Amino acid sequence: EMGKKTVAVFAEEDKLGLHRFKADEAYRIGEDLGPVAAYLSIDEMIRVARISGADAIHPGYGLLSENPDFVDACEKNGITFIGPRAETMRALALSPRA
């Protein structure tokens, strides 16, 4: 709708998930991993971003969306992370109000 190409990832267990079919491209992640481990694999997310030519990642909710190491990996690979900065995540994790 916005003229942007969308890329989805899916674990084997989610191969029939609607998000896979709504995206312009979809890639299976986590071969030999369970679904939770697949979606938590920073290496897998970066691998798909690189082979698909993605220049940004929106992590969705939960899983990697609150992982500052994922933000660092995106930055290291020249991929924009759509979400808070790693420093912000780390600061909030140390806050007694977090």
C-alpha atoms as a PDB file:
ATOM      1  CA  GLU A   1       0.000   0.000   0.000  1.00  0.00           C
ATOM      2  CA  MET A   2       2.886   2.380   0.683  1.00  0.00           C
ATOM      3  CA  GLY A   3       5.008   1.259  -2.238  1.00  0.00           C
ATOM      4  CA  LYS A   4       7.464  -0.567   0.019  1.00  0.00           C
ATOM      5  CA  LYS A   5       8.511  -4.169  -0.510  1.00  0.00           C
ATOM      6  CA  THR A   6       7.740  -6.301   2.526  1.00  0.00           C
ATOM      7  CA  VAL A   7       9.635  -9.363   3.659  1.00  0.00           C
ATOM      8  CA  ALA A   8       8.335 -11.840   6.213  1.00  0.00           C
ATOM      9  CA  VAL A   9      10.063 -14.615   8.094  1.00  0.00           C
ATOM     10  CA  PHE A  10       8.438 -17.795   9.289  1.00  0.00           C
ATOM     11  CA  ALA A  11       9.383 -20.886  11.229  1.00  0.00           C
ATOM     12  CA  GLU A  12       8.370 -24.238   9.758  1.00  0.00           C
ATOM     13  CA  GLU A  13       5.488 -24.427  12.229  1.00  0.00           C
ATOM     14  CA  ASP A  14       4.100 -21.148  10.842  1.00  0.00           C
ATOM     15  CA  LYS A  15       4.420 -21.998   7.158  1.00  0.00           C
ATOM     16  CA  LEU A  16       0.678 -21.430   6.661  1.00  0.00           C
ATOM     17  CA  GLY A  17       0.611 -18.151   8.615  1.00  0.00           C
ATOM     18  CA  LEU A  18      -1.225 -15.297   6.922  1.00  0.00           C
ATOM     19  CA  HIS A  19       1.706 -12.895   7.326  1.00  0.00           C
ATOM     20  CA  ARG A  20       3.761 -15.124   5.021  1.00  0.00           C
ATOM     21  CA  PHE A  21       1.269 -14.736   2.192  1.00  0.00           C
ATOM     22  CA  LYS A  22       0.630 -11.015   2.711  1.00  0.00           C
ATOM     23  CA  ALA A  23       4.321 -10.135   2.322  1.00  0.00           C
ATOM     24  CA  ASP A  24       5.992  -9.624  -1.047  1.00  0.00           C
ATOM     25  CA  GLU A  25       8.625 -12.184  -0.068  1.00  0.00           C
ATOM     26  CA  ALA A  26       8.813 -14.752   2.732  1.00  0.00           C
ATOM     27  CA  TYR A  27      11.769 -16.729   4.016  1.00  0.00           C
ATOM     28  CA  ARG A  28      11.863 -19.757   6.260  1.00  0.00           C
ATOM     29  CA  ILE A  29      14.083 -19.324   9.291  1.00  0.00           C
ATOM     30  CA  GLY A  30      15.499 -21.609  11.928  1.00  0.00           C
ATOM     31  CA  GLU A  31      16.031 -24.868  10.114  1.00  0.00           C
ATOM     32  CA  ASP A  32      16.755 -27.434  12.837  1.00  0.00           C
ATOM     33  CA  LEU A  33      15.487 -24.999  15.494  1.00  0.00           C
ATOM     34  CA  GLY A  34      12.133 -24.883  17.212  1.00  0.00           C
ATOM     35  CA  PRO A  35       9.851 -21.941  16.459  1.00  0.00           C
ATOM     36  CA  VAL A  36      10.786 -19.845  19.490  1.00  0.00           C
ATOM     37  CA  ALA A  37      14.508 -20.327  18.906  1.00  0.00           C
ATOM     38  CA  ALA A  38      14.020 -19.508  15.214  1.00  0.00           C
ATOM     39  CA  TYR A  39      12.284 -16.205  15.937  1.00  0.00           C
ATOM     40  CA  LEU A  40      14.894 -15.326  18.575  1.00  0.00           C
ATOM     41  CA  SER A  41      17.829 -15.987  16.249  1.00  0.00           C
ATOM     42  CA  ILE A  42      19.548 -12.701  15.505  1.00  0.00           C
ATOM     43  CA  ASP A  43      21.758 -14.426  12.945  1.00  0.00           C
ATOM     44  CA  GLU A  44      18.720 -15.718  11.065  1.00  0.00           C
ATOM     45  CA  MET A  45      17.070 -12.295  10.956  1.00  0.00           C
ATOM     46  CA  ILE A  46      20.231 -10.649   9.676  1.00  0.00           C
ATOM     47  CA  ARG A  47      20.723 -13.447   7.124  1.00  0.00           C
ATOM     48  CA  VAL A  48      17.252 -12.892   5.677  1.00  0.00           C
ATOM     49  CA  ALA A  49      17.661  -9.116   5.664  1.00  0.00           C
ATOM     50  CA  ARG A  50      20.892  -9.452   3.717  1.00  0.00           C
ATOM     51  CA  ILE A  51      19.664 -11.942   1.113  1.00  0.00           C
ATOM     52  CA  SER A  52      16.406 -10.051   0.599  1.00  0.00           C
ATOM     53  CA  GLY A  53      18.122  -6.678   0.332  1.00  0.00           C
ATOM     54  CA  ALA A  54      16.101  -5.229   3.216  1.00  0.00           C
ATOM     55  CA  ASP A  55      17.343  -1.881   4.453  1.00  0.00           C
ATOM     56  CA  ALA A  56      15.180  -1.823   7.585  1.00  0.00           C
ATOM     57  CA  ILE A  57      13.616  -4.233  10.062  1.00  0.00           C
ATOM     58  CA  HIS A  58      10.453  -3.762  12.091  1.00  0.00           C
ATOM     59  CA  PRO A  59      10.712  -6.478  14.735  1.00  0.00           C
ATOM     60  CA  GLY A  60       7.032  -6.713  15.582  1.00  0.00           C
ATOM     61  CA  TYR A  61       6.166  -7.175  19.244  1.00  0.00           C
ATOM     62  CA  GLY A  62       7.984  -9.251  21.825  1.00  0.00           C
ATOM     63  CA  LEU A  63      10.793 -11.648  20.916  1.00  0.00           C
ATOM     64  CA  LEU A  64      13.587  -9.517  19.405  1.00  0.00           C
ATOM     65  CA  SER A  65      11.779  -6.180  19.649  1.00  0.00           C
ATOM     66  CA  GLU A  66      13.230  -5.549  23.111  1.00  0.00           C
ATOM     67  CA  ASN A  67      16.686  -7.013  22.561  1.00  0.00           C
ATOM     68  CA  PRO A  68      19.419  -4.357  22.357  1.00  0.00           C
ATOM     69  CA  ASP A  69      21.838  -6.912  20.902  1.00  0.00           C
ATOM     70  CA  PHE A  70      19.519  -7.220  17.903  1.00  0.00           C
ATOM     71  CA  VAL A  71      19.601  -3.457  17.436  1.00  0.00           C
ATOM     72  CA  ASP A  72      23.409  -3.564  17.566  1.00  0.00           C
ATOM     73  CA  ALA A  73      23.484  -6.373  14.974  1.00  0.00           C
ATOM     74  CA  CYS A  74      21.217  -4.410  12.655  1.00  0.00           C
ATOM     75  CA  GLU A  75      23.407  -1.318  12.930  1.00  0.00           C
ATOM     76  CA  LYS A  76      26.581  -3.362  12.406  1.00  0.00           C
ATOM     77  CA  ASN A  77      25.068  -4.708   9.166  1.00  0.00           C
ATOM     78  CA  GLY A  78      23.830  -1.354   7.881  1.00  0.00           C
ATOM     79  CA  ILE A  79      20.175  -2.157   8.533  1.00  0.00           C
ATOM     80  CA  THR A  80      17.862   0.380  10.134  1.00  0.00           C
ATOM     81  CA  PHE A  81      16.087  -0.948  13.222  1.00  0.00           C
ATOM     82  CA  ILE A  82      12.591   0.489  13.452  1.00  0.00           C
ATOM     83  CA  GLY A  83      12.236   0.926  17.186  1.00  0.00           C
ATOM     84  CA  PRO A  84      14.109   2.303  20.171  1.00  0.00           C
ATOM     85  CA  ARG A  85      17.870   2.659  20.203  1.00  0.00           C
ATOM     86  CA  ALA A  86      19.932  -0.013  21.929  1.00  0.00           C
ATOM     87  CA  GLU A  87      21.121   2.525  24.528  1.00  0.00           C
ATOM     88  CA  THR A  88      17.517   3.344  25.399  1.00  0.00           C
ATOM     89  CA  MET A  89      16.661  -0.328  25.853  1.00  0.00           C
ATOM     90  CA  ARG A  90      19.655  -0.856  28.063  1.00  0.00           C
ATOM     91  CA  ALA A  91      18.887   2.215  30.163  1.00  0.00           C
ATOM     92  CA  LEU A  92      15.285   1.095  30.660  1.00  0.00           C
ATOM     93  CA  ALA A  93      16.420  -2.382  31.643  1.00  0.00           C
ATOM     94  CA  LEU A  94      18.486  -0.855  34.451  1.00  0.00           C
ATOM     95  CA  SER A  95      15.717   1.448  35.623  1.00  0.00           C
ATOM     96  CA  PRO A  96      13.864   0.436  38.802  1.00  0.00           C
ATOM     97  CA  ARG A  97      10.658   1.552  37.073  1.00  0.00           C
ATOM     98  CA  ALA A  98      11.192  -0.733  34.062  1.00  0.00           C
END
